[in-house]
Amino acid sequence: MNSEITTRLTAALPVIEAAGAHALGYFRQPLDVENKLGTGFDPVTIADREVEALIRERLLALWPDSPVEGEEAGLTPGDSPWSWIVDPIDGTRAFISGMPAWGVLLGLRHDGQPVGGIVAQPFTGETFIGGAGRAVCRRGGAETVLATSGRTDLASAILYCTHPEIFTTDATRAGFARVSQSVRLTRYGGDCYAYCLLAMGFVDLVIESSLQPYDILPVAPIITAAGGVVTDIDGETPLRGGTVIAAATPELHAAALRLMQQG
């Protein structure tokens, strides 16, 4: 199966890099922003829709029998056990704010399980690829093998989270507070790029809640291939999103998970 994962990620890579370049054309430009929610704020722009359409069209041209599920246009069904999950611009709030913490996300699944992922951040010129036991960052034509920090103790860990408001229950808010009080440093605002920093070894923990599958399934294989651990609040593969704990090592993950589950 590893050879098929590698083959598919290799073929999908120029698709995602082209999609990233398309998104970059809209970045820091005047944009009309729509709100997908009646209550609250969930922004979407023409960039989100065009990027997803580009990815969907090109993936289906390569693998017409493989389902493609995207944030904006839903599911294009297929008969293959191999499927794709797309977040055309993860971090749309960052995107419309001019912050380069967004990315174009593509996840590869086999029988519903995440097995590969690509994150393109065209503003920084980086593309992160993970699967089949290997994670790399491409930049300027060169590839760097990714490895997590190896950190095992909470007291010296760096924790990232996009925003504290994503914790919508008393239990998850209290759990995150316990972890935050136990680490060396807590930072906010990373969006999908925080997970890339975790795979690069600069961040030790990312804990978030209210995630959708397309938010986490593309990045999870990159982190695990780099040596990290990614689960939901129950310690399982986060197939439905929800509350997610991503850590540099099994030991650090176990310590953070205990605090998130406490009480």
C-alpha atoms as a PDB file:
ATOM      1  CA  MET A   1       0.000   0.000   0.000  1.00  0.00           C
ATOM      2  CA  ASN A   2       2.907   2.383   0.679  1.00  0.00           C
ATOM      3  CA  SER A   3       3.841   2.444  -2.992  1.00  0.00           C
ATOM      4  CA  GLU A   4       0.296   3.456  -3.948  1.00  0.00           C
ATOM      5  CA  ILE A   5       0.299   6.187  -1.290  1.00  0.00           C
ATOM      6  CA  THR A   6       3.567   7.548  -2.659  1.00  0.00           C
ATOM      7  CA  THR A   7       2.329   7.339  -6.249  1.00  0.00           C
ATOM      8  CA  ARG A   8      -0.865   9.226  -5.481  1.00  0.00           C
ATOM      9  CA  LEU A   9       0.786  11.917  -3.373  1.00  0.00           C
ATOM     10  CA  THR A  10       3.451  12.444  -6.035  1.00  0.00           C
ATOM     11  CA  ALA A  11       0.809  12.841  -8.746  1.00  0.00           C
ATOM     12  CA  ALA A  12      -1.335  15.121  -6.570  1.00  0.00           C
ATOM     13  CA  LEU A  13       1.558  17.381  -5.578  1.00  0.00           C
ATOM     14  CA  PRO A  14       1.520  19.591  -8.724  1.00  0.00           C
ATOM     15  CA  VAL A  15      -2.269  19.851  -8.372  1.00  0.00           C
ATOM     16  CA  ILE A  16      -2.001  21.273  -4.865  1.00  0.00           C
ATOM     17  CA  GLU A  17       0.910  23.536  -5.714  1.00  0.00           C
ATOM     18  CA  ALA A  18      -1.092  24.931  -8.672  1.00  0.00           C
ATOM     19  CA  ALA A  19      -4.059  25.422  -6.351  1.00  0.00           C
ATOM     20  CA  GLY A  20      -1.813  27.241  -3.896  1.00  0.00           C
ATOM     21  CA  ALA A  21      -0.572  29.551  -6.615  1.00  0.00           C
ATOM     22  CA  HIS A  22      -4.180  30.285  -7.580  1.00  0.00           C
ATOM     23  CA  ALA A  23      -5.066  31.113  -3.971  1.00  0.00           C
ATOM     24  CA  LEU A  24      -2.011  33.325  -3.650  1.00  0.00           C
ATOM     25  CA  GLY A  25      -3.338  35.487  -6.475  1.00  0.00           C
ATOM     26  CA  TYR A  26      -6.213  36.509  -4.214  1.00  0.00           C
ATOM     27  CA  PHE A  27      -4.166  36.924  -1.020  1.00  0.00           C
ATOM     28  CA  ARG A  28      -3.901  40.489   0.307  1.00  0.00           C
ATOM     29  CA  GLN A  29      -6.216  41.666  -2.450  1.00  0.00           C
ATOM     30  CA  PRO A  30      -9.692  43.237  -2.027  1.00  0.00           C
ATOM     31  CA  LEU A  31     -12.203  40.394  -1.649  1.00  0.00           C
ATOM     32  CA  ASP A  32     -15.904  40.069  -1.079  1.00  0.00           C
ATOM     33  CA  VAL A  33     -16.410  37.901   2.005  1.00  0.00           C
ATOM     34  CA  GLU A  34     -19.590  35.915   2.574  1.00  0.00           C
ATOM     35  CA  ASN A  35     -20.717  34.447   5.886  1.00  0.00           C
ATOM     36  CA  LYS A  36     -21.838  30.811   5.731  1.00  0.00           C
ATOM     37  CA  LEU A  37     -23.528  31.019   9.142  1.00  0.00           C
ATOM     38  CA  GLY A  38     -26.779  32.610  10.240  1.00  0.00           C
ATOM     39  CA  THR A  39     -25.319  33.029  13.719  1.00  0.00           C
ATOM     40  CA  GLY A  40     -21.599  33.575  14.191  1.00  0.00           C
ATOM     41  CA  PHE A  41     -19.038  34.046  11.442  1.00  0.00           C
ATOM     42  CA  ASP A  42     -17.704  31.420   9.029  1.00  0.00           C
ATOM     43  CA  PRO A  43     -16.203  33.279   6.061  1.00  0.00           C
ATOM     44  CA  VAL A  44     -15.936  32.060   2.488  1.00  0.00           C
ATOM     45  CA  THR A  45     -14.565  33.833  -0.576  1.00  0.00           C
ATOM     46  CA  ILE A  46     -14.275  33.276  -4.293  1.00  0.00           C
ATOM     47  CA  ALA A  47     -10.757  32.014  -3.598  1.00  0.00           C
ATOM     48  CA  ASP A  48     -12.085  29.120  -1.481  1.00  0.00           C
ATOM     49  CA  ARG A  49     -14.567  28.087  -4.155  1.00  0.00           C
ATOM     50  CA  GLU A  50     -12.250  28.410  -7.145  1.00  0.00           C
ATOM     51  CA  VAL A  51      -9.389  26.580  -5.434  1.00  0.00           C
ATOM     52  CA  GLU A  52     -11.620  23.661  -4.471  1.00  0.00           C
ATOM     53  CA  ALA A  53     -13.074  23.479  -7.993  1.00  0.00           C
ATOM     54  CA  LEU A  54      -9.572  23.387  -9.472  1.00  0.00           C
ATOM     55  CA  ILE A  55      -8.453  20.609  -7.123  1.00  0.00           C
ATOM     56  CA  ARG A  56     -11.615  18.575  -7.619  1.00  0.00           C
ATOM     57  CA  GLU A  57     -11.459  18.799 -11.423  1.00  0.00           C
ATOM     58  CA  ARG A  58      -7.802  17.774 -11.633  1.00  0.00           C
ATOM     59  CA  LEU A  59      -8.033  14.941  -9.101  1.00  0.00           C
ATOM     60  CA  LEU A  60     -11.048  13.470 -10.879  1.00  0.00           C
ATOM     61  CA  ALA A  61      -9.194  13.683 -14.189  1.00  0.00           C
ATOM     62  CA  LEU A  62      -6.399  11.593 -12.653  1.00  0.00           C
ATOM     63  CA  TRP A  63      -8.591   9.189 -10.652  1.00  0.00           C
ATOM     64  CA  PRO A  64     -12.217   9.371 -11.828  1.00  0.00           C
ATOM     65  CA  ASP A  65     -13.317   6.523  -9.535  1.00  0.00           C
ATOM     66  CA  SER A  66     -11.882   8.063  -6.327  1.00  0.00           C
ATOM     67  CA  PRO A  67     -14.353  10.064  -4.197  1.00  0.00           C
ATOM     68  CA  VAL A  68     -13.468  13.692  -3.506  1.00  0.00           C
ATOM     69  CA  GLU A  69     -14.915  15.426  -0.439  1.00  0.00           C
ATOM     70  CA  GLY A  70     -14.458  19.175  -0.066  1.00  0.00           C
ATOM     71  CA  GLU A  71     -15.459  21.826   2.436  1.00  0.00           C
ATOM     72  CA  GLU A  72     -17.280  24.000  -0.075  1.00  0.00           C
ATOM     73  CA  ALA A  73     -18.895  21.612  -2.599  1.00  0.00           C
ATOM     74  CA  GLY A  74     -19.417  18.434  -0.601  1.00  0.00           C
ATOM     75  CA  LEU A  75     -18.866  14.917  -1.921  1.00  0.00           C
ATOM     76  CA  THR A  76     -18.249  13.701  -5.438  1.00  0.00           C
ATOM     77  CA  PRO A  77     -18.839   9.954  -4.993  1.00  0.00           C
ATOM     78  CA  GLY A  78     -16.776   7.113  -6.445  1.00  0.00           C
ATOM     79  CA  ASP A  79     -16.209   3.378  -6.118  1.00  0.00           C
ATOM     80  CA  SER A  80     -12.526   3.308  -5.172  1.00  0.00           C
ATOM     81  CA  PRO A  81     -11.367   2.590  -1.592  1.00  0.00           C
ATOM     82  CA  TRP A  82      -8.956   5.505  -2.129  1.00  0.00           C
ATOM     83  CA  SER A  83     -10.531   8.910  -1.509  1.00  0.00           C
ATOM     84  CA  TRP A  84      -9.512  12.556  -1.149  1.00  0.00           C
ATOM     85  CA  ILE A  85     -10.546  15.191   1.374  1.00  0.00           C
ATOM     86  CA  VAL A  86      -9.976  18.866   0.577  1.00  0.00           C
ATOM     87  CA  ASP A  87      -9.866  22.094   2.541  1.00  0.00           C
ATOM     88  CA  PRO A  88      -9.211  24.628  -0.225  1.00  0.00           C
ATOM     89  CA  ILE A  89      -8.125  27.387   2.140  1.00  0.00           C
ATOM     90  CA  ASP A  90      -7.721  26.272   5.720  1.00  0.00           C
ATOM     91  CA  GLY A  91      -7.580  29.453   7.768  1.00  0.00           C
ATOM     92  CA  THR A  92      -9.902  31.652   5.724  1.00  0.00           C
ATOM     93  CA  ARG A  93     -10.073  34.077   8.659  1.00  0.00           C
ATOM     94  CA  ALA A  94      -6.287  34.439   8.467  1.00  0.00           C
ATOM     95  CA  PHE A  95      -6.475  34.681   4.666  1.00  0.00           C
ATOM     96  CA  ILE A  96      -8.905  37.603   4.702  1.00  0.00           C
ATOM     97  CA  SER A  97      -6.868  39.267   7.471  1.00  0.00           C
ATOM     98  CA  GLY A  98      -3.670  39.176   5.426  1.00  0.00           C
ATOM     99  CA  MET A  99      -1.989  36.703   7.801  1.00  0.00           C
ATOM    100  CA  PRO A 100       0.040  33.917   6.127  1.00  0.00           C
ATOM    101  CA  ALA A 101      -1.107  31.175   8.519  1.00  0.00           C
ATOM    102  CA  TRP A 102      -3.458  29.621   5.931  1.00  0.00           C
ATOM    103  CA  GLY A 103      -2.827  26.709   3.620  1.00  0.00           C
ATOM    104  CA  VAL A 104      -4.289  24.493   0.913  1.00  0.00           C
ATOM    105  CA  LEU A 105      -4.986  21.044   2.399  1.00  0.00           C
ATOM    106  CA  LEU A 106      -5.372  17.690   0.674  1.00  0.00           C
ATOM    107  CA  GLY A 107      -5.806  14.401   2.524  1.00  0.00           C
ATOM    108  CA  LEU A 108      -5.595  10.890   1.089  1.00  0.00           C
ATOM    109  CA  ARG A 109      -7.712   8.171   2.696  1.00  0.00           C
ATOM    110  CA  HIS A 110      -7.865   4.409   2.202  1.00  0.00           C
ATOM    111  CA  ASP A 111     -11.051   2.714   3.393  1.00  0.00           C
ATOM    112  CA  GLY A 112     -11.787   5.903   5.295  1.00  0.00           C
ATOM    113  CA  GLN A 113      -8.486   6.019   7.174  1.00  0.00           C
ATOM    114  CA  PRO A 114      -6.059   8.941   6.667  1.00  0.00           C
ATOM    115  CA  VAL A 115      -2.865   7.677   5.024  1.00  0.00           C
ATOM    116  CA  GLY A 116      -1.345  10.737   3.329  1.00  0.00           C
ATOM    117  CA  GLY A 117      -1.490  14.501   3.295  1.00  0.00           C
ATOM    118  CA  ILE A 118      -0.244  17.622   1.544  1.00  0.00           C
ATOM    119  CA  VAL A 119      -0.264  21.211   2.825  1.00  0.00           C
ATOM    120  CA  ALA A 120       0.790  24.014   0.480  1.00  0.00           C
ATOM    121  CA  GLN A 121       1.639  27.464   1.837  1.00  0.00           C
ATOM    122  CA  PRO A 122       2.540  29.424  -1.294  1.00  0.00           C
ATOM    123  CA  PHE A 123       3.266  32.705   0.511  1.00  0.00           C
ATOM    124  CA  THR A 124       6.205  31.107   2.327  1.00  0.00           C
ATOM    125  CA  GLY A 125       6.975  28.875  -0.660  1.00  0.00           C
ATOM    126  CA  GLU A 126       6.599  25.687   1.393  1.00  0.00           C
ATOM    127  CA  THR A 127       4.800  22.446   0.682  1.00  0.00           C
ATOM    128  CA  PHE A 128       4.527  19.760   3.367  1.00  0.00           C
ATOM    129  CA  ILE A 129       3.986  16.134   2.323  1.00  0.00           C
ATOM    130  CA  GLY A 130       3.527  13.125   4.584  1.00  0.00           C
ATOM    131  CA  GLY A 131       2.639   9.470   4.160  1.00  0.00           C
ATOM    132  CA  ALA A 132       4.107   5.983   3.798  1.00  0.00           C
ATOM    133  CA  GLY A 133       6.412   6.626   6.768  1.00  0.00           C
ATOM    134  CA  ARG A 134       8.061   9.767   5.366  1.00  0.00           C
ATOM    135  CA  ALA A 135       7.404  13.480   5.835  1.00  0.00           C
ATOM    136  CA  VAL A 136       9.187  16.261   3.953  1.00  0.00           C
ATOM    137  CA  CYS A 137       9.023  19.991   3.346  1.00  0.00           C
ATOM    138  CA  ARG A 138       9.646  21.230  -0.200  1.00  0.00           C
ATOM    139  CA  ARG A 139      10.996  24.733  -0.619  1.00  0.00           C
ATOM    140  CA  GLY A 140      12.944  26.300  -3.458  1.00  0.00           C
ATOM    141  CA  GLY A 141      13.356  22.972  -5.225  1.00  0.00           C
ATOM    142  CA  ALA A 142      14.911  21.278  -2.179  1.00  0.00           C
ATOM    143  CA  GLU A 143      13.371  18.745   0.209  1.00  0.00           C
ATOM    144  CA  THR A 144      13.986  18.615   3.951  1.00  0.00           C
ATOM    145  CA  VAL A 145      13.002  15.529   5.919  1.00  0.00           C
ATOM    146  CA  LEU A 146      10.683  16.458   8.779  1.00  0.00           C
ATOM    147  CA  ALA A 147      11.032  15.215  12.359  1.00  0.00           C
ATOM    148  CA  THR A 148       9.169  16.306  15.472  1.00  0.00           C
ATOM    149  CA  SER A 149      11.051  17.778  18.415  1.00  0.00           C
ATOM    150  CA  GLY A 150      11.176  14.605  20.471  1.00  0.00           C
ATOM    151  CA  ARG A 151       9.926  16.552  23.506  1.00  0.00           C
ATOM    152  CA  THR A 152       8.443  14.290  26.185  1.00  0.00           C
ATOM    153  CA  ASP A 153       7.722  16.594  29.145  1.00  0.00           C
ATOM    154  CA  LEU A 154       4.937  19.145  29.343  1.00  0.00           C
ATOM    155  CA  ALA A 155       6.938  21.615  31.398  1.00  0.00           C
ATOM    156  CA  SER A 156       9.261  22.433  28.502  1.00  0.00           C
ATOM    157  CA  ALA A 157       6.708  22.170  25.698  1.00  0.00           C
ATOM    158  CA  ILE A 158       5.434  24.846  23.299  1.00  0.00           C
ATOM    159  CA  LEU A 159       1.669  24.653  22.777  1.00  0.00           C
ATOM    160  CA  TYR A 160      -0.270  26.177  19.892  1.00  0.00           C
ATOM    161  CA  CYS A 161      -3.983  26.726  19.337  1.00  0.00           C
ATOM    162  CA  THR A 162      -5.744  28.827  16.715  1.00  0.00           C
ATOM    163  CA  HIS A 163      -8.015  30.603  19.220  1.00  0.00           C
ATOM    164  CA  PRO A 164      -9.384  29.814  22.701  1.00  0.00           C
ATOM    165  CA  GLU A 165     -12.963  30.402  21.501  1.00  0.00           C
ATOM    166  CA  ILE A 166     -12.886  27.116  19.570  1.00  0.00           C
ATOM    167  CA  PHE A 167     -13.393  25.301  22.893  1.00  0.00           C
ATOM    168  CA  THR A 168     -17.178  25.433  23.207  1.00  0.00           C
ATOM    169  CA  THR A 169     -17.783  23.255  26.294  1.00  0.00           C
ATOM    170  CA  ASP A 170     -16.799  23.708  29.916  1.00  0.00           C
ATOM    171  CA  ALA A 171     -14.930  20.394  29.838  1.00  0.00           C
ATOM    172  CA  THR A 172     -12.740  21.233  26.834  1.00  0.00           C
ATOM    173  CA  ARG A 173     -12.099  24.776  28.079  1.00  0.00           C
ATOM    174  CA  ALA A 174     -11.021  23.437  31.472  1.00  0.00           C
ATOM    175  CA  GLY A 175      -8.892  20.720  29.897  1.00  0.00           C
ATOM    176  CA  PHE A 176      -7.089  23.161  27.633  1.00  0.00           C
ATOM    177  CA  ALA A 177      -6.495  25.499  30.568  1.00  0.00           C
ATOM    178  CA  ARG A 178      -4.881  22.641  32.515  1.00  0.00           C
ATOM    179  CA  VAL A 179      -2.537  21.861  29.636  1.00  0.00           C
ATOM    180  CA  SER A 180      -1.771  25.539  29.004  1.00  0.00           C
ATOM    181  CA  GLN A 181      -0.870  26.050  32.660  1.00  0.00           C
ATOM    182  CA  SER A 182       1.499  23.068  32.496  1.00  0.00           C
ATOM    183  CA  VAL A 183       3.582  24.028  29.443  1.00  0.00           C
ATOM    184  CA  ARG A 184       6.451  26.453  28.973  1.00  0.00           C
ATOM    185  CA  LEU A 185       4.717  28.595  26.347  1.00  0.00           C
ATOM    186  CA  THR A 186       1.229  28.882  24.827  1.00  0.00           C
ATOM    187  CA  ARG A 187       0.698  30.695  21.541  1.00  0.00           C
ATOM    188  CA  TYR A 188      -2.403  31.399  19.452  1.00  0.00           C
ATOM    189  CA  GLY A 189      -3.182  31.990  15.807  1.00  0.00           C
ATOM    190  CA  GLY A 190      -1.395  29.186  13.981  1.00  0.00           C
ATOM    191  CA  ASP A 191      -4.290  27.666  11.994  1.00  0.00           C
ATOM    192  CA  CYS A 192      -3.038  24.764   9.845  1.00  0.00           C
ATOM    193  CA  TYR A 193       0.508  26.143   9.872  1.00  0.00           C
ATOM    194  CA  ALA A 194       0.876  25.245  13.556  1.00  0.00           C
ATOM    195  CA  TYR A 195       0.576  21.568  12.617  1.00  0.00           C
ATOM    196  CA  CYS A 196       3.319  22.056  10.031  1.00  0.00           C
ATOM    197  CA  LEU A 197       5.519  23.660  12.690  1.00  0.00           C
ATOM    198  CA  LEU A 198       4.857  20.636  14.890  1.00  0.00           C
ATOM    199  CA  ALA A 199       6.079  18.332  12.123  1.00  0.00           C
ATOM    200  CA  MET A 200       9.131  20.583  11.677  1.00  0.00           C
ATOM    201  CA  GLY A 201      10.035  20.326  15.365  1.00  0.00           C
ATOM    202  CA  PHE A 202       9.417  23.955  16.375  1.00  0.00           C
ATOM    203  CA  VAL A 203       6.110  23.360  18.171  1.00  0.00           C
ATOM    204  CA  ASP A 204       5.514  20.452  20.555  1.00  0.00           C
ATOM    205  CA  LEU A 205       1.727  20.417  20.972  1.00  0.00           C
ATOM    206  CA  VAL A 206      -1.330  21.592  19.070  1.00  0.00           C
ATOM    207  CA  ILE A 207      -4.691  21.254  20.800  1.00  0.00           C
ATOM    208  CA  GLU A 208      -7.884  22.427  19.148  1.00  0.00           C
ATOM    209  CA  SER A 209     -11.617  21.795  19.179  1.00  0.00           C
ATOM    210  CA  SER A 210     -14.635  22.292  16.915  1.00  0.00           C
ATOM    211  CA  LEU A 211     -12.653  20.857  13.982  1.00  0.00           C
ATOM    212  CA  GLN A 212     -14.160  19.305  10.879  1.00  0.00           C
ATOM    213  CA  PRO A 213     -12.602  16.208   9.263  1.00  0.00           C
ATOM    214  CA  TYR A 214     -11.150  18.309   6.444  1.00  0.00           C
ATOM    215  CA  ASP A 215      -9.333  20.474   9.023  1.00  0.00           C
ATOM    216  CA  ILE A 216      -7.316  17.633  10.537  1.00  0.00           C
ATOM    217  CA  LEU A 217      -7.217  14.544   8.295  1.00  0.00           C
ATOM    218  CA  PRO A 218      -4.861  16.105   5.718  1.00  0.00           C
ATOM    219  CA  VAL A 219      -2.320  17.195   8.356  1.00  0.00           C
ATOM    220  CA  ALA A 220      -2.427  14.108  10.599  1.00  0.00           C
ATOM    221  CA  PRO A 221      -0.375  11.843   8.257  1.00  0.00           C
ATOM    222  CA  ILE A 222       2.316  14.522   7.969  1.00  0.00           C
ATOM    223  CA  ILE A 223       2.702  14.697  11.748  1.00  0.00           C
ATOM    224  CA  THR A 224       2.648  10.943  12.276  1.00  0.00           C
ATOM    225  CA  ALA A 225       5.186  10.368   9.495  1.00  0.00           C
ATOM    226  CA  ALA A 226       7.419  12.934  11.230  1.00  0.00           C
ATOM    227  CA  GLY A 227       7.216  10.957  14.488  1.00  0.00           C
ATOM    228  CA  GLY A 228       4.267  12.594  16.220  1.00  0.00           C
ATOM    229  CA  VAL A 229       0.858  11.444  17.456  1.00  0.00           C
ATOM    230  CA  VAL A 230      -2.574  12.820  16.523  1.00  0.00           C
ATOM    231  CA  THR A 231      -5.849  11.691  18.139  1.00  0.00           C
ATOM    232  CA  ASP A 232      -9.224  12.944  19.231  1.00  0.00           C
ATOM    233  CA  ILE A 233     -10.226  13.451  22.876  1.00  0.00           C
ATOM    234  CA  ASP A 234     -10.887   9.700  23.194  1.00  0.00           C
ATOM    235  CA  GLY A 235      -7.413   8.783  21.971  1.00  0.00           C
ATOM    236  CA  GLU A 236      -8.707   7.571  18.598  1.00  0.00           C
ATOM    237  CA  THR A 237      -8.016   8.628  15.009  1.00  0.00           C
ATOM    238  CA  PRO A 238      -9.925  11.925  14.612  1.00  0.00           C
ATOM    239  CA  LEU A 239     -12.071  10.776  11.685  1.00  0.00           C
ATOM    240  CA  ARG A 240     -14.888  13.159  12.620  1.00  0.00           C
ATOM    241  CA  GLY A 241     -12.691  16.052  13.737  1.00  0.00           C
ATOM    242  CA  GLY A 242     -13.896  17.448  17.056  1.00  0.00           C
ATOM    243  CA  THR A 243     -11.321  17.997  19.794  1.00  0.00           C
ATOM    244  CA  VAL A 244      -7.837  17.043  18.629  1.00  0.00           C
ATOM    245  CA  ILE A 245      -4.513  16.593  20.429  1.00  0.00           C
ATOM    246  CA  ALA A 246      -1.395  16.543  18.250  1.00  0.00           C
ATOM    247  CA  ALA A 247       1.939  15.995  19.966  1.00  0.00           C
ATOM    248  CA  ALA A 248       5.604  15.511  19.158  1.00  0.00           C
ATOM    249  CA  THR A 249       5.895  12.193  21.009  1.00  0.00           C
ATOM    250  CA  PRO A 250       3.676   9.475  22.486  1.00  0.00           C
ATOM    251  CA  GLU A 251       4.782  10.492  25.987  1.00  0.00           C
ATOM    252  CA  LEU A 252       3.852  14.131  25.502  1.00  0.00           C
ATOM    253  CA  HIS A 253       0.578  13.162  23.885  1.00  0.00           C
ATOM    254  CA  ALA A 254      -0.330  10.887  26.785  1.00  0.00           C
ATOM    255  CA  ALA A 255       0.389  13.625  29.331  1.00  0.00           C
ATOM    256  CA  ALA A 256      -1.708  16.207  27.451  1.00  0.00           C
ATOM    257  CA  LEU A 257      -4.530  13.748  26.832  1.00  0.00           C
ATOM    258  CA  ARG A 258      -4.739  12.921  30.543  1.00  0.00           C
ATOM    259  CA  LEU A 259      -5.179  16.588  31.386  1.00  0.00           C
ATOM    260  CA  MET A 260      -7.756  17.092  28.631  1.00  0.00           C
ATOM    261  CA  GLN A 261      -9.776  14.116  29.890  1.00  0.00           C
ATOM    262  CA  GLN A 262      -9.439  14.930  33.598  1.00  0.00           C
ATOM    263  CA  GLY A 263     -12.727  15.486  35.381  1.00  0.00           C
END
